[in-house]
Protein backbone atom coordinates (compact mmCIF):
# COMPACT_ATOMS: atom_id res chain seq x y z
CA MET A 1 -33.97 5.16 35.76
CA SER A 2 -33.81 5.40 32.03
CA SER A 3 -33.32 2.90 29.40
CA ASN A 4 -30.21 4.83 28.35
CA LEU A 5 -28.41 4.93 31.79
CA ILE A 6 -29.55 1.45 32.60
CA GLY A 7 -27.75 0.72 29.46
CA LEU A 8 -25.04 2.88 30.35
CA ILE A 9 -24.23 0.94 33.21
CA ILE A 10 -24.54 -2.87 31.64
CA SER A 11 -22.01 -1.27 28.45
CA PHE A 12 -19.49 -0.64 31.17
CA ILE A 13 -20.34 -3.56 33.31
CA PHE A 14 -19.49 -5.70 30.49
CA VAL A 15 -16.14 -3.65 29.57
CA PHE A 16 -15.03 -4.31 32.95
CA MET A 17 -15.44 -8.08 33.08
CA ILE A 18 -13.32 -8.65 30.08
CA LEU A 19 -10.49 -6.32 31.69
CA ILE A 20 -10.86 -8.19 34.86
CA LEU A 21 -10.31 -11.71 33.33
CA GLY A 22 -7.89 -9.98 30.77
CA GLU A 23 -5.88 -9.34 34.70
CA ILE A 24 -6.65 -13.04 35.99
CA LEU A 25 -5.33 -14.72 32.50
CA ASN A 26 -2.51 -12.20 32.91
CA ARG A 27 -1.62 -12.54 36.54
CA PHE A 28 -2.49 -16.41 37.04
CA THR A 29 -2.39 -18.00 34.26
CA ASN A 30 0.62 -19.47 31.54
CA ALA A 31 -0.75 -16.94 28.70
CA ASP A 32 1.48 -15.07 26.39
CA GLU A 33 1.54 -10.59 27.32
CA GLU A 34 0.16 -10.86 23.81
CA PHE A 35 -2.27 -13.16 23.63
CA ASN A 36 -3.70 -11.10 26.78
CA ARG A 37 -3.75 -7.93 25.22
CA LYS A 38 -5.45 -9.47 21.60
CA PHE A 39 -8.27 -11.04 24.38
CA VAL A 40 -8.93 -7.59 25.29
CA HIS A 41 -8.97 -6.31 22.27
CA ILE A 42 -11.04 -8.69 20.67
CA GLY A 43 -13.37 -8.52 23.81
CA VAL A 44 -13.84 -5.03 23.96
CA SER A 45 -14.46 -4.52 20.72
CA ASN A 46 -17.91 -6.05 21.67
CA TRP A 47 -18.84 -2.87 23.95
CA TRP A 48 -20.45 -1.59 20.56
CA ILE A 49 -22.92 -4.47 19.98
CA VAL A 50 -24.02 -4.58 23.48
CA ALA A 51 -24.40 -0.90 23.62
CA MET A 52 -26.45 -0.35 20.08
CA PHE A 53 -28.96 -2.48 21.46
CA LEU A 54 -29.44 -0.68 24.79
CA ILE A 55 -28.33 2.88 24.24
CA ASP A 56 -30.65 4.94 21.84
CA ASN A 57 -29.35 8.24 22.46
CA MET A 58 -25.70 8.88 21.66
CA TYR A 59 -25.08 11.48 24.33
CA TYR A 60 -24.95 8.90 26.46
CA ALA A 61 -22.52 6.51 24.24
CA MET A 62 -20.04 8.96 23.40
CA ILE A 63 -18.90 8.42 27.41
CA PRO A 64 -17.18 5.41 27.69
CA PRO A 65 -15.07 6.08 24.57
CA ILE A 66 -14.59 9.40 26.39
CA ILE A 67 -14.00 7.76 29.93
CA PHE A 68 -11.57 4.98 28.58
CA ILE A 69 -8.97 7.68 26.75
CA ILE A 70 -8.46 9.12 29.94
CA LEU A 71 -7.83 6.09 31.69
CA ASN A 72 -6.65 3.86 29.25
CA TYR A 73 -4.30 7.04 29.28
CA LEU A 74 -3.82 6.73 32.53
CA SER A 75 -3.00 3.17 32.13
CA TYR A 76 -0.30 3.57 29.67
CA LYS A 77 1.33 5.98 31.91
CA LYS A 78 1.37 4.55 35.23
CA GLY A 79 0.58 0.08 33.93
CA VAL A 80 -2.90 0.41 35.97
CA PHE A 81 -4.19 -2.58 33.06
CA SER A 82 -0.98 -4.31 32.47
CA SER A 83 -3.03 -7.17 30.51
CA MET A 84 -3.59 -3.70 27.87
CA GLU A 85 -0.05 -2.90 27.62
CA ARG A 86 3.13 -4.24 25.68
CA GLU A 87 6.10 -4.00 28.06
CA ASP A 88 7.88 -1.35 25.86
CA LYS A 89 5.35 1.24 25.22
CA ASP A 90 6.46 1.72 21.56
CA SER A 91 2.71 3.27 20.29
CA LEU A 92 -0.06 4.82 22.00
CA GLY A 93 -2.22 2.32 20.50
CA THR A 94 -4.60 0.94 23.53
CA VAL A 95 -5.51 5.27 23.64
CA TYR A 96 -6.44 5.48 20.07
CA TYR A 97 -8.53 2.52 20.58
CA PRO A 98 -11.67 5.08 22.68
CA ILE A 99 -10.78 7.71 20.21
CA SER A 100 -11.59 5.74 17.25
CA LEU A 101 -14.64 4.53 18.85
CA LEU A 102 -15.45 7.95 20.50
CA ILE A 103 -15.64 9.19 16.51
CA LEU A 104 -17.51 5.77 15.15
CA VAL A 105 -20.15 6.97 17.79
CA LEU A 106 -20.42 10.43 16.34
CA LEU A 107 -20.38 9.50 12.75
CA PHE A 108 -22.72 6.59 13.08
CA TRP A 109 -25.15 5.94 15.73
CA GLU A 110 -27.50 8.18 14.60
CA ARG A 111 -26.44 7.47 11.02
CA ASN A 112 -25.96 4.27 10.18
CA ILE A 113 -25.13 2.38 13.52
CA TYR A 114 -24.57 -1.46 11.85
CA ILE A 115 -21.62 0.73 9.85
CA GLY A 116 -19.72 1.44 12.99
CA ALA A 117 -19.94 -2.12 14.36
CA ILE A 118 -17.98 -2.81 11.38
CA GLY A 119 -15.52 -0.29 12.10
CA ILE A 120 -15.12 -1.41 15.05
CA LEU A 121 -15.29 -5.25 15.00
CA ILE A 122 -12.81 -5.44 11.87
CA MET A 123 -10.18 -3.61 14.13
CA GLY A 124 -11.47 -6.29 16.83
CA TYR A 125 -11.44 -9.29 15.79
CA GLY A 126 -9.80 -8.61 12.26
CA ASP A 127 -6.63 -6.77 13.84
CA GLY A 128 -6.76 -9.24 16.83
CA LEU A 129 -6.65 -12.42 15.20
CA ALA A 130 -4.16 -10.91 12.71
CA ALA A 131 -1.69 -10.72 15.43
CA LEU A 132 -2.30 -14.06 17.76
CA ILE A 133 -2.29 -16.37 13.89
CA GLY A 134 1.28 -14.02 12.89
CA VAL A 135 2.81 -14.13 15.49
CA ASN A 136 1.86 -17.91 17.09
CA TYR A 137 2.41 -19.10 12.77
CA GLY A 138 3.50 -16.52 10.85
CA LEU A 139 6.86 -18.00 9.31
CA ASN A 140 7.10 -16.34 5.95
CA GLN A 141 7.66 -12.68 7.95
CA PHE A 142 8.15 -9.45 6.30
CA HIS A 143 8.80 -5.86 6.70
CA ILE A 144 6.78 -2.65 5.31
CA GLY A 145 8.83 0.28 6.83
CA LYS A 146 8.96 -0.47 10.21
CA ASN A 147 6.04 -2.82 10.81
CA LYS A 148 7.01 -6.60 10.62
CA LYS A 149 3.92 -8.76 9.36
CA SER A 150 3.15 -12.04 7.97
CA ILE A 151 1.97 -13.28 5.12
CA ILE A 152 -0.79 -15.90 7.63
CA GLY A 153 -1.52 -12.72 9.66
CA THR A 154 -2.41 -10.68 6.43
CA LEU A 155 -4.57 -12.91 4.68
CA THR A 156 -6.20 -13.59 8.43
CA MET A 157 -6.91 -10.08 8.41
CA PHE A 158 -8.11 -10.23 5.15
CA ALA A 159 -10.23 -12.94 5.87
CA VAL A 160 -11.35 -11.77 9.11
CA SER A 161 -12.44 -8.57 8.04
CA MET A 162 -14.28 -9.88 4.44
CA MET A 163 -16.12 -11.99 7.34
CA VAL A 164 -17.41 -9.30 9.47
CA SER A 165 -18.46 -7.11 6.41
CA LEU A 166 -20.41 -9.50 4.75
CA ILE A 167 -22.46 -10.97 9.05
CA VAL A 168 -23.10 -7.27 10.03
CA LEU A 169 -24.61 -6.09 6.19
CA SER A 170 -26.62 -9.47 5.52
CA PHE A 171 -27.79 -8.63 9.19
CA SER A 172 -28.26 -4.98 8.18
CA ILE A 173 -29.44 -5.05 4.66
CA SER A 174 -29.89 -8.53 3.12
CA PHE A 175 -27.78 -10.53 1.53
CA SER A 176 -26.48 -10.07 -2.07
CA ILE A 177 -23.53 -10.09 -4.41
CA ASN A 178 -23.00 -6.57 -4.68
CA ILE A 179 -23.36 -7.15 -0.76
CA LEU A 180 -20.31 -9.64 -0.86
CA MET A 181 -18.34 -7.30 -3.01
CA ILE A 182 -18.60 -4.70 -1.02
CA SER A 183 -17.26 -6.81 1.92
CA ILE A 184 -14.60 -7.75 0.10
CA ILE A 185 -13.69 -4.38 -0.92
CA ILE A 186 -14.02 -3.05 2.88
CA ALA A 187 -11.53 -6.02 3.78
CA PHE A 188 -9.12 -5.28 1.11
CA ILE A 189 -8.65 -1.51 2.64
CA ALA A 190 -9.33 -2.37 5.62
CA THR A 191 -5.80 -4.78 4.99
CA VAL A 192 -3.99 -2.50 3.18
CA LEU A 193 -4.50 -0.13 6.36
CA GLU A 194 -3.28 -2.41 9.21
CA LEU A 195 -0.17 -3.20 7.27
CA VAL A 196 1.15 0.08 6.55
CA THR A 197 0.06 2.34 9.07
CA PRO A 198 2.74 2.67 12.02
CA TYR A 199 2.90 3.95 15.67
CA GLY A 200 -0.23 2.17 16.75
CA LEU A 201 -2.42 4.07 14.45
CA ASP A 202 -4.18 1.00 12.76
CA ASN A 203 -6.39 1.51 15.89
CA ILE A 204 -7.09 4.62 14.11
CA THR A 205 -7.44 4.22 10.39
CA VAL A 206 -8.67 1.11 9.74
CA PRO A 207 -11.40 1.31 11.90
CA LEU A 208 -12.56 4.89 10.72
CA ILE A 209 -11.37 4.12 7.30
CA SER A 210 -12.93 0.73 7.20
CA ALA A 211 -16.48 2.60 8.55
CA LEU A 212 -16.25 5.59 5.62
CA VAL A 213 -15.74 3.19 2.96
CA GLY A 214 -18.51 1.09 3.90
CA TYR A 215 -21.32 4.11 4.82
CA ILE A 216 -19.92 5.33 0.94
CA LEU A 217 -20.05 1.78 -0.48
CA VAL A 218 -24.03 1.05 0.72
CA SER A 219 -25.32 4.74 0.06
CA PHE A 220 -24.56 4.57 -4.07
CA ASP A 221 -27.08 3.36 -6.36
CA ASN A 222 -27.12 0.58 -8.83
CA SER A 223 -24.74 3.18 -11.01
CA ILE A 224 -21.73 2.01 -8.52
CA ILE A 225 -22.12 -2.19 -8.98
CA ILE A 226 -19.74 -2.34 -12.03
CA TYR A 227 -17.25 -0.53 -9.75
CA ASN A 228 -17.21 -3.23 -7.45
CA TYR A 229 -17.27 -6.10 -9.23
CA ARG A 230 -13.53 -4.09 -11.06
CA PHE A 231 -12.42 -4.52 -7.98
CA VAL A 232 -13.18 -7.48 -6.92
CA VAL A 233 -11.81 -8.57 -10.49
CA GLY A 234 -8.47 -6.47 -10.38
CA LEU A 235 -7.85 -8.50 -6.64
CA ILE A 236 -8.80 -11.67 -8.01
CA PHE A 237 -6.11 -11.29 -10.89
CA SER A 238 -3.60 -8.97 -9.02
CA GLY A 239 -3.15 -10.97 -6.27
CA ILE A 240 -2.66 -14.55 -9.11
CA ILE A 241 -0.01 -12.67 -10.33
CA GLY A 242 1.64 -11.00 -7.80
CA ILE A 243 1.65 -14.93 -5.98
CA LEU A 244 3.33 -16.23 -8.91
CA ALA A 245 5.85 -13.36 -9.60
CA TYR A 246 7.06 -13.69 -5.84
CA LYS A 247 7.30 -17.66 -6.73
CA LYS A 248 9.40 -16.55 -9.56
CA LYS A 249 11.65 -14.07 -7.09
CA SER A 250 10.94 -10.90 -9.56
CA LEU A 251 9.34 -9.57 -6.32
CA THR A 252 9.56 -9.18 -2.35
CA LYS A 253 7.02 -10.32 0.44
CA SER A 254 5.95 -6.43 0.70
CA GLY A 255 5.97 -6.31 -3.25
CA MET A 256 4.09 -8.80 -3.99
CA ILE A 257 1.53 -7.41 -1.23
CA GLY A 258 1.93 -3.18 -3.14
CA ALA A 259 1.72 -5.14 -6.43
CA ILE A 260 -1.59 -6.45 -5.78
CA VAL A 261 -2.55 -2.98 -4.49
CA LEU A 262 -1.25 -1.32 -7.29
CA GLY A 263 -3.03 -3.84 -10.51
CA THR A 264 -6.25 -3.84 -7.79
CA GLY A 265 -6.50 0.16 -8.22
CA ILE A 266 -5.18 0.59 -11.51
CA TYR A 267 -7.23 -1.94 -12.65
CA LEU A 268 -10.19 -0.15 -11.10
CA THR A 269 -9.47 3.03 -12.34
CA THR A 270 -8.73 2.07 -16.26
CA GLY A 271 -10.49 -1.41 -16.70
CA PHE A 272 -8.07 -3.83 -18.82
CA TYR A 273 -6.39 -1.45 -20.51
CA GLY A 274 -4.80 -0.17 -17.66
CA ALA A 275 -4.07 -3.19 -15.73
CA SER A 276 -2.81 -4.98 -19.52
CA THR A 277 -0.66 -2.04 -19.65
CA MET A 278 0.66 -2.42 -16.22
CA ILE A 279 1.57 -6.20 -16.39
CA LEU A 280 3.59 -5.41 -19.73
CA PHE A 281 6.36 -2.80 -18.03
CA PHE A 282 6.31 -5.72 -15.34
CA ILE A 283 7.02 -8.87 -17.84
CA SER A 284 9.11 -6.94 -19.91
CA SER A 285 11.07 -5.58 -17.19
CA SER A 286 11.07 -8.58 -15.03
CA VAL A 287 12.59 -10.26 -18.09
CA LEU A 288 15.26 -7.97 -18.73
CA SER A 289 15.98 -7.98 -14.86
CA HIS A 290 16.87 -11.79 -15.31
CA TYR A 291 18.86 -12.11 -18.49
CA LYS A 292 22.17 -12.21 -18.24
CA LYS A 293 21.74 -11.71 -14.15
CA ARG A 294 25.34 -13.02 -14.08
CA ASP A 295 27.26 -10.56 -16.27
CA LYS A 296 25.44 -7.74 -14.02
CA LYS A 297 26.08 -9.15 -10.69
CA GLN A 298 29.28 -7.20 -9.96
CA VAL A 299 27.90 -3.61 -11.39
CA SER A 300 24.44 -4.18 -9.61
CA ASP A 301 25.67 -4.35 -6.49
CA GLN A 302 26.35 -0.77 -6.33
CA PHE A 303 22.26 -0.63 -6.98
CA ASP A 304 20.75 0.65 -3.70
CA LYS A 305 17.93 -1.97 -4.82
CA THR A 306 18.35 -5.07 -6.91
CA GLY A 307 16.07 -8.26 -8.04
CA ASN A 308 12.79 -8.41 -6.68
CA ARG A 309 11.03 -5.36 -6.39
CA ASP A 310 9.51 -4.33 -2.79
CA MET A 311 6.96 -2.78 -2.08
CA THR A 312 7.79 0.96 -2.45
CA GLN A 313 10.19 -0.33 -5.54
CA VAL A 314 6.80 -1.13 -7.46
CA PHE A 315 4.86 1.75 -6.11
CA ALA A 316 7.97 4.36 -7.57
CA ASN A 317 6.99 2.35 -10.89
CA GLY A 318 3.64 2.64 -10.59
CA GLY A 319 2.41 4.98 -8.73
CA VAL A 320 2.68 8.25 -10.41
CA GLY A 321 0.00 5.56 -13.14
CA LEU A 322 -2.35 5.17 -10.75
CA ILE A 323 -2.70 9.00 -9.75
CA TYR A 324 -3.77 9.44 -13.59
CA GLY A 325 -5.73 6.31 -13.60
CA ILE A 326 -7.71 7.92 -10.09
CA LEU A 327 -7.88 11.21 -12.39
CA TYR A 328 -9.21 9.19 -15.52
CA LEU A 329 -12.29 7.79 -13.37
CA ILE A 330 -12.76 11.38 -11.99
CA PHE A 331 -13.12 13.25 -15.23
CA ASP A 332 -13.44 10.64 -17.80
CA SER A 333 -10.81 12.66 -20.07
CA PRO A 334 -9.06 10.47 -22.21
CA ILE A 335 -5.99 13.00 -21.59
CA TYR A 336 -5.19 11.09 -18.42
CA LEU A 337 -5.12 7.47 -19.99
CA MET A 338 -2.04 9.31 -22.66
CA LEU A 339 -0.33 10.57 -19.25
CA PHE A 340 -1.11 7.13 -17.15
CA THR A 341 0.59 5.10 -20.40
CA ILE A 342 3.37 8.03 -20.67
CA ALA A 343 4.21 7.52 -16.72
CA PHE A 344 4.61 3.68 -17.40
CA ALA A 345 6.37 4.23 -20.71
CA ALA A 346 8.75 6.20 -18.71
CA ALA A 347 9.08 3.79 -16.92
CA ASN A 348 9.95 1.57 -18.86
CA ALA A 349 12.55 3.48 -20.25
CA ASP A 350 14.00 3.33 -17.23
CA THR A 351 14.00 0.06 -16.25
CA TRP A 352 15.35 -0.64 -20.20
CA SER A 353 18.15 1.62 -19.95
CA THR A 354 19.15 0.33 -16.70
CA GLU A 355 19.36 -3.89 -17.16
CA ILE A 356 20.29 -2.78 -20.90
CA GLY A 357 23.08 -0.35 -21.04
CA ILE A 358 24.90 -1.63 -18.15
CA LEU A 359 26.04 -4.65 -20.79
CA ASP A 360 27.92 -2.14 -23.69
CA LYS A 361 31.16 -2.98 -23.43
CA LYS A 362 32.38 0.69 -23.29
CA TRP A 363 31.62 2.78 -19.98
CA PRO A 364 29.26 5.10 -19.99
CA PHE A 365 29.57 8.55 -19.85
CA HIS A 366 28.20 10.56 -16.40
CA LEU A 367 26.26 13.49 -16.88
CA ARG A 368 27.74 15.80 -14.37
CA SER A 369 31.89 15.62 -15.82
CA PHE A 370 30.99 14.06 -18.92
CA LYS A 371 33.72 11.74 -18.56
CA ARG A 372 34.45 7.89 -18.75
CA VAL A 373 32.96 6.30 -15.52
CA PRO A 374 32.47 2.90 -14.35
CA LYS A 375 29.36 0.85 -15.26
CA GLY A 376 26.27 1.41 -12.79
CA THR A 377 27.64 4.86 -11.84
CA SER A 378 24.21 6.73 -11.09
CA GLY A 379 23.91 9.60 -13.50
CA ALA A 380 26.21 7.46 -16.48
CA VAL A 381 24.49 7.34 -19.77
CA SER A 382 25.24 4.99 -22.53
CA PRO A 383 24.44 5.12 -26.24
CA LEU A 384 22.95 1.12 -25.71
CA GLY A 385 21.26 2.45 -22.63
CA THR A 386 20.05 5.17 -24.70
CA ILE A 387 18.59 3.24 -27.60
CA SER A 388 17.47 0.80 -25.23
CA GLY A 389 15.08 2.66 -23.18
CA PHE A 390 13.70 4.36 -25.92
CA LEU A 391 13.16 1.23 -27.34
CA GLY A 392 11.21 0.02 -24.37
CA ALA A 393 9.06 3.90 -24.57
CA LEU A 394 8.30 2.19 -27.84
CA LEU A 395 6.84 -1.11 -26.34
CA ILE A 396 4.40 0.74 -24.60
CA ALA A 397 3.64 3.69 -26.68
CA VAL A 398 2.91 0.91 -30.09
CA TYR A 399 0.55 -1.01 -27.32
CA SER A 400 -1.21 1.87 -26.11
CA SER A 401 -1.99 2.78 -29.90
CA ILE A 402 -3.11 -0.66 -31.03
CA TYR A 403 -5.69 -0.86 -28.29
CA PHE A 404 -7.23 2.53 -28.66
CA ASN A 405 -7.46 2.42 -32.25
CA ILE A 406 -8.61 -1.04 -32.06
CA VAL A 407 -10.61 -1.27 -28.82
CA LEU A 408 -11.19 1.65 -27.66
CA GLU A 409 -11.88 2.99 -31.11
CA LEU A 410 -9.89 6.34 -30.86
CA ASP A 411 -8.13 8.11 -33.40
CA VAL A 412 -4.95 7.80 -32.85
CA ASN A 413 -1.22 8.26 -35.55
CA ILE A 414 2.15 7.85 -35.04
CA LEU A 415 2.25 11.48 -33.62
CA TYR A 416 0.72 10.27 -30.93
CA VAL A 417 3.12 7.00 -30.69
CA LEU A 418 6.42 9.66 -31.09
CA ILE A 419 4.69 11.79 -28.03
CA VAL A 420 4.86 8.67 -25.85
CA SER A 421 7.70 7.35 -26.75
CA LEU A 422 10.26 10.77 -26.71
CA SER A 423 8.10 11.32 -23.52
CA GLY A 424 9.31 7.96 -21.73
CA LEU A 425 12.52 8.28 -23.21
CA LEU A 426 12.66 11.76 -21.30
CA GLY A 427 11.66 10.11 -17.99
CA SER A 428 14.95 8.04 -18.53
CA VAL A 429 16.90 10.66 -19.81
CA ILE A 430 16.17 12.92 -16.10
CA ASP A 431 16.08 10.00 -14.10
CA SER A 432 20.07 10.23 -15.01
CA MET A 433 20.40 13.70 -14.03
CA LEU A 434 18.83 13.37 -10.84
CA GLY A 435 20.89 10.87 -9.99
CA ALA A 436 23.89 12.71 -11.11
CA PHE A 437 23.15 15.86 -9.68
CA ILE A 438 20.99 15.13 -6.76
CA GLN A 439 20.04 11.51 -5.80
CA GLY A 440 22.51 10.68 -2.29
CA ILE A 441 25.62 9.09 -3.67
CA TYR A 442 28.06 7.19 -1.46
CA MET A 443 31.29 5.46 -0.64
CA ASP A 444 31.71 2.06 0.25
CA GLU A 445 35.27 0.77 2.32
CA GLU A 446 37.10 -0.11 -0.79
CA ARG A 447 36.18 3.81 -2.02
CA LYS A 448 33.52 2.75 -4.97
CA GLU A 449 30.74 4.77 -5.69
CA THR A 450 27.43 3.27 -4.38
CA GLU A 451 23.55 4.18 -3.87
CA LYS A 452 23.41 1.51 -0.52
CA LYS A 453 23.58 3.95 2.88
CA PHE A 454 24.66 0.11 4.91
CA ILE A 455 26.46 -2.29 3.44
CA ASP A 456 27.27 -5.33 5.41
CA GLY A 457 25.43 -3.46 8.48
CA LYS A 458 28.18 -0.78 7.66
CA GLU A 459 27.77 2.56 7.10
CA THR A 460 28.83 3.95 3.86
CA ILE A 461 30.20 7.84 3.86
CA LEU A 462 27.87 10.19 1.54
CA LYS A 463 30.11 11.58 -1.76
CA ARG A 464 27.57 14.22 -3.47
CA GLY A 465 24.02 14.86 -3.28
CA ILE A 466 21.48 15.08 -1.29
CA LYS A 467 21.11 12.12 1.56
CA TYR A 468 17.47 11.74 1.60
CA ILE A 469 17.08 10.98 -1.94
CA ASN A 470 17.16 7.23 -2.67
CA ASN A 471 16.75 6.08 -6.29
CA ASP A 472 12.77 5.61 -5.55
CA ILE A 473 12.48 9.21 -4.82
CA VAL A 474 14.25 9.81 -8.15
CA ASN A 475 11.90 7.02 -10.39
CA VAL A 476 8.88 9.10 -8.84
CA VAL A 477 10.07 12.51 -9.67
CA SER A 478 11.62 11.69 -13.06
CA ILE A 479 8.25 9.72 -13.95
CA PHE A 480 6.02 12.16 -13.40
CA LEU A 481 8.38 15.72 -15.24
CA ALA A 482 7.71 13.17 -17.89
CA THR A 483 4.10 13.44 -17.48
CA LEU A 484 4.40 17.04 -17.13
CA ILE A 485 5.46 18.68 -20.65
CA PRO A 486 2.80 16.86 -22.38
CA LEU A 487 0.29 17.72 -19.77
CA ILE A 488 1.04 21.76 -19.96
CA MET A 489 0.86 20.72 -23.59
CA VAL A 490 -2.65 20.56 -23.53
CA LEU A 491 -4.10 22.33 -20.68
């Protein structure tokens, strides 16, 4: 009998022992359903460790995942392994698990088996322990889409993923500061994927993307080390700022997570300039959102989202800038740095025009009817709001020109300031036009216009616009269009 066949048999025995123990826990103890599921979830992930020392041939290693794809699907349908399934059967997560295992075998068994181990062990231990700790101790919960998460669960996912990566890479390569940096990056990406991936698909996205990121990072030469350090520095400072903003009630829990992700990405791609520009936007907009908050209360109640920014709002304002930051990192062209600046100038202009404009003593003009309408009406503009929007864009433009001239030693003049400022103002105007003609606007029970689809649990009635176009989509489109004209001019 070949050593591969013996290894295959032993690996099967190991998995079935885990399943049998899970069934015993499920049937004969008071352990809850989630604990039993995660016991199996974590235990089965160790199959990789057992198999990697017993099976050399990739084709032998493919057999268990293929068989368990079939068995797990039958269990999902028929409840064969009750310890693996939730009663509500809300996703195919148990089927996705062996699918990701099979893909990892195909990708890494003969290329870098330790990288594959990182992927599946992060999925097993990171996701498993995060769920258990989050369910039992996660008092501070938040939602990202339909995913319900907790702060302690998220921190557990990050910490365990980092330790898994660090241990495996130190064992397979050797410990170094760069290996520590790589482990932090892998853990961060795994945590974000676990947060945002719906329908149990994190059983695919987390192990596969974590392993691929690990493979890419350990394959690069020393030239990438600077970006590893930049990533970690960005993560640390974004984390500090995000937590402080959450404590100051400028961000929700999901908004804090979004700000950390966005800030890390921007610092990685654009360095201190990009991060400081984003912070300038965030601080100025946060200060204005709290300025005369009581006077704005009646008007702001009409908006879809007010006060604390959630994750969607964070990326609606900063996502376009992040895209240009990535393009700048790839192509190293100053034009993308200018477009990055315009994106934040447009976001700042829109925020300033809204937060200050609603304090105007006179009612604004609606861009659709050119009649005066109540403050807070979507698609309405006022002289005070327009001037404020220009000043918001000008703030970003002036800061950018000073930084470019002094720090980057790029020769930019008043024309650059005007282009950025006017482009930012244009974004604010486009935002108002989209709000007037395209954004979904609803009518509440008092027949007042609102951007909200639901008020106090009751559905409002669509009055005009497109149902699926909300303020976040309007923000993304208007910011992108604000950058489009300068982009066309330079191409």
